[in-house]
N, C-alpha and C. Protein backbone atom coordinates (compact mmCIF):
# COMPACT_ATOMS: atom_id res chain seq x y z
N MET A 1 -11.42 -10.99 13.29
CA MET A 1 -10.64 -9.89 12.80
C MET A 1 -11.05 -8.47 13.46
N PRO A 2 -10.04 -7.95 13.68
CA PRO A 2 -10.15 -6.65 14.63
C PRO A 2 -10.71 -5.57 13.56
N ALA A 3 -11.45 -4.83 14.02
CA ALA A 3 -11.86 -3.38 13.24
C ALA A 3 -10.56 -2.69 12.72
N PRO A 4 -10.93 -2.14 11.28
CA PRO A 4 -9.79 -1.44 10.86
C PRO A 4 -9.69 -0.22 11.65
N THR A 5 -8.09 0.24 11.88
CA THR A 5 -7.75 1.33 12.50
C THR A 5 -8.54 2.55 11.92
N PRO A 6 -9.05 3.76 12.26
CA PRO A 6 -9.59 4.74 11.72
C PRO A 6 -8.57 5.45 11.08
N ARG A 7 -8.99 5.93 9.53
CA ARG A 7 -8.11 6.74 9.18
C ARG A 7 -8.39 8.61 9.08
N THR A 8 -7.42 8.96 9.00
CA THR A 8 -7.57 10.35 9.11
C THR A 8 -7.94 10.89 7.78
N GLU A 9 -8.10 12.26 7.75
CA GLU A 9 -8.55 12.76 6.26
C GLU A 9 -7.62 12.82 5.41
N HIS A 10 -6.42 13.12 6.05
CA HIS A 10 -5.16 13.22 5.01
C HIS A 10 -4.85 11.71 4.52
N GLU A 11 -4.88 10.97 5.39
CA GLU A 11 -5.11 9.21 4.65
C GLU A 11 -6.12 9.15 3.59
N LEU A 12 -7.19 9.12 3.92
CA LEU A 12 -8.49 9.07 3.00
C LEU A 12 -8.06 9.96 1.96
N ASP A 13 -7.60 10.84 1.82
CA ASP A 13 -7.43 11.75 0.38
C ASP A 13 -6.41 11.07 -0.31
N VAL A 14 -5.33 10.77 0.23
CA VAL A 14 -4.41 10.15 -0.56
C VAL A 14 -4.68 8.91 -1.30
N ILE A 15 -5.78 7.95 -0.41
CA ILE A 15 -6.00 6.71 -0.85
C ILE A 15 -6.95 7.27 -2.04
N ALA A 16 -8.01 7.88 -1.79
CA ALA A 16 -8.77 8.11 -2.84
C ALA A 16 -8.30 8.79 -3.93
N ASN A 17 -7.02 9.66 -3.87
CA ASN A 17 -6.64 10.23 -4.94
C ASN A 17 -5.14 9.46 -5.49
N ALA A 18 -4.91 8.39 -5.51
CA ALA A 18 -3.97 7.52 -5.36
C ALA A 18 -3.60 7.33 -6.89
N VAL A 19 -2.51 7.62 -7.37
CA VAL A 19 -2.09 7.43 -9.14
C VAL A 19 -1.27 6.33 -8.93
N GLU A 20 -0.51 5.67 -8.05
CA GLU A 20 0.42 4.55 -7.91
C GLU A 20 0.07 3.78 -6.40
N TRP A 21 0.16 2.67 -6.54
CA TRP A 21 0.46 1.63 -5.65
C TRP A 21 1.55 0.79 -5.66
N THR A 22 1.99 0.75 -4.48
CA THR A 22 3.31 -0.37 -4.32
C THR A 22 3.11 -1.21 -3.18
N CYS A 23 3.50 -2.51 -3.65
CA CYS A 23 3.77 -3.59 -2.77
C CYS A 23 5.12 -3.65 -2.16
N VAL A 24 5.53 -3.60 -0.65
CA VAL A 24 6.71 -3.79 -0.39
C VAL A 24 6.76 -4.77 0.71
N ARG A 25 7.90 -5.40 0.41
CA ARG A 25 8.27 -6.61 1.42
C ARG A 25 9.81 -6.54 1.58
N GLY A 26 9.64 -7.11 2.76
CA GLY A 26 11.44 -7.53 3.17
C GLY A 26 11.89 -6.05 3.91
N ARG A 27 13.20 -6.27 4.35
CA ARG A 27 13.96 -5.22 5.16
C ARG A 27 15.25 -5.11 4.25
N GLY A 28 15.86 -3.85 4.78
CA GLY A 28 17.30 -3.71 4.22
C GLY A 28 17.45 -3.98 2.79
N ALA A 29 18.63 -4.78 2.45
CA ALA A 29 19.01 -5.20 1.23
C ALA A 29 18.07 -6.12 0.61
N ALA A 30 17.25 -7.01 1.20
CA ALA A 30 16.32 -7.67 0.74
C ALA A 30 14.87 -7.26 0.56
N ARG A 31 14.90 -6.07 0.80
CA ARG A 31 13.57 -5.24 0.57
C ARG A 31 13.44 -5.40 -1.00
N THR A 32 12.28 -5.60 -1.34
CA THR A 32 11.65 -5.11 -2.59
C THR A 32 10.36 -4.62 -2.91
N VAL A 33 10.39 -3.69 -3.73
CA VAL A 33 9.39 -2.83 -4.10
C VAL A 33 8.53 -3.10 -5.37
N THR A 34 7.59 -3.21 -5.64
CA THR A 34 7.07 -3.18 -7.03
C THR A 34 6.03 -2.46 -7.10
N ARG A 35 5.82 -1.45 -8.11
CA ARG A 35 4.88 -0.50 -8.50
C ARG A 35 3.67 -1.09 -9.33
N HIS A 36 2.34 -0.42 -9.21
CA HIS A 36 1.29 -1.15 -9.64
C HIS A 36 0.71 0.15 -10.05
N ALA A 37 -0.58 -0.14 -11.23
CA ALA A 37 -1.36 0.96 -11.26
C ALA A 37 -2.91 1.24 -10.82
N SER A 38 -2.93 0.16 -9.87
CA SER A 38 -4.03 0.07 -9.04
C SER A 38 -4.19 -0.74 -7.67
N HIS A 39 -5.00 -0.65 -6.65
CA HIS A 39 -5.13 -1.61 -5.76
C HIS A 39 -5.31 -2.94 -5.96
N GLY A 40 -6.09 -3.19 -6.75
CA GLY A 40 -6.32 -4.86 -7.32
C GLY A 40 -5.09 -5.37 -7.78
N GLU A 41 -4.33 -4.65 -8.61
CA GLU A 41 -3.31 -5.35 -9.52
C GLU A 41 -1.94 -5.65 -8.38
N CYS A 42 -2.00 -4.39 -7.40
CA CYS A 42 -1.11 -4.87 -6.21
C CYS A 42 -1.53 -6.09 -5.49
N LEU A 43 -2.56 -6.41 -5.25
CA LEU A 43 -3.12 -7.60 -4.56
C LEU A 43 -2.88 -8.89 -5.45
N GLN A 44 -2.96 -8.75 -6.70
CA GLN A 44 -2.84 -9.70 -7.34
C GLN A 44 -1.18 -10.23 -7.30
N LYS A 45 -0.26 -9.23 -7.44
CA LYS A 45 1.09 -9.44 -7.10
C LYS A 45 1.51 -9.95 -6.01
N ALA A 46 1.07 -9.67 -4.98
CA ALA A 46 1.28 -9.58 -3.50
C ALA A 46 1.56 -10.88 -3.10
N VAL A 47 2.46 -11.44 -2.16
CA VAL A 47 2.32 -12.73 -1.34
C VAL A 47 1.48 -12.63 -0.54
N LEU A 48 0.50 -13.17 -0.44
CA LEU A 48 -0.72 -13.25 0.89
C LEU A 48 -0.18 -13.94 1.95
N ASP A 49 0.85 -13.31 2.73
CA ASP A 49 1.00 -13.97 4.07
C ASP A 49 0.84 -13.00 5.08
N GLY A 50 0.48 -11.72 5.04
CA GLY A 50 0.57 -10.95 6.05
C GLY A 50 1.84 -10.23 6.16
N ARG A 51 2.70 -10.18 5.14
CA ARG A 51 3.98 -9.46 5.26
C ARG A 51 4.13 -8.83 4.42
N THR A 52 3.46 -8.70 3.33
CA THR A 52 3.89 -7.76 2.45
C THR A 52 2.80 -6.49 2.55
N MET A 53 3.55 -5.24 2.21
CA MET A 53 2.93 -4.03 2.94
C MET A 53 2.27 -3.11 1.69
N ILE A 54 1.19 -2.85 1.72
CA ILE A 54 0.60 -2.14 0.67
C ILE A 54 0.28 -0.44 1.04
N TYR A 55 1.09 0.10 -0.18
CA TYR A 55 1.02 1.67 0.26
C TYR A 55 0.18 2.26 -1.22
N ALA A 56 -0.77 3.41 -1.12
CA ALA A 56 -1.08 4.15 -1.96
C ALA A 56 -0.07 5.56 -1.70
N ILE A 57 -0.23 5.74 -3.27
CA ILE A 57 0.63 6.94 -3.55
C ILE A 57 0.10 8.10 -4.04
N ASP A 58 0.03 9.12 -3.99
CA ASP A 58 -0.75 10.62 -4.66
C ASP A 58 0.07 11.18 -5.71
N ALA A 59 -0.47 12.25 -6.39
CA ALA A 59 0.37 13.00 -7.39
C ALA A 59 1.35 13.69 -6.78
N GLN A 60 1.45 13.74 -5.65
CA GLN A 60 2.30 14.57 -4.88
C GLN A 60 3.32 14.07 -4.43
N GLY A 61 3.49 12.63 -4.69
CA GLY A 61 4.32 11.80 -4.01
C GLY A 61 4.18 11.52 -2.44
N LEU A 62 3.06 11.96 -2.00
CA LEU A 62 2.74 11.34 -0.61
C LEU A 62 2.35 10.07 -0.72
N SER A 63 2.79 9.31 0.47
CA SER A 63 2.01 7.81 0.56
C SER A 63 1.36 7.44 2.05
N VAL A 64 0.73 6.64 1.83
CA VAL A 64 -0.11 5.92 3.23
C VAL A 64 -0.36 4.58 3.17
N HIS A 65 0.07 4.17 4.27
CA HIS A 65 0.04 2.47 4.41
C HIS A 65 -1.29 2.04 4.26
N VAL A 66 -1.67 1.18 3.69
CA VAL A 66 -3.13 0.88 3.38
C VAL A 66 -3.36 -0.73 4.07
N GLU A 67 -2.41 -1.46 3.81
CA GLU A 67 -2.65 -2.68 4.68
C GLU A 67 -1.45 -3.57 4.46
N ASN A 68 -1.78 -4.75 5.20
CA ASN A 68 -0.58 -5.76 5.04
C ASN A 68 -1.67 -7.00 4.82
N VAL A 69 -0.94 -7.62 3.52
CA VAL A 69 -1.59 -8.90 2.84
C VAL A 69 -0.75 -9.92 3.09
């Protein structure tokens, strides 16, 4: 597995202070977004095929792509 992409200070701040996590899957009209209280809950609900994107969202509404699972 390749090393993770280095994170900027902004990205690390959003992840550390996330108040919500989302799982995003699909494109256009077929896109689904589910909202979760934690990263762990997001992982439990995600389809683990490498095509579900997980984002962290902070209190200001800024989001950061965390990983594809």
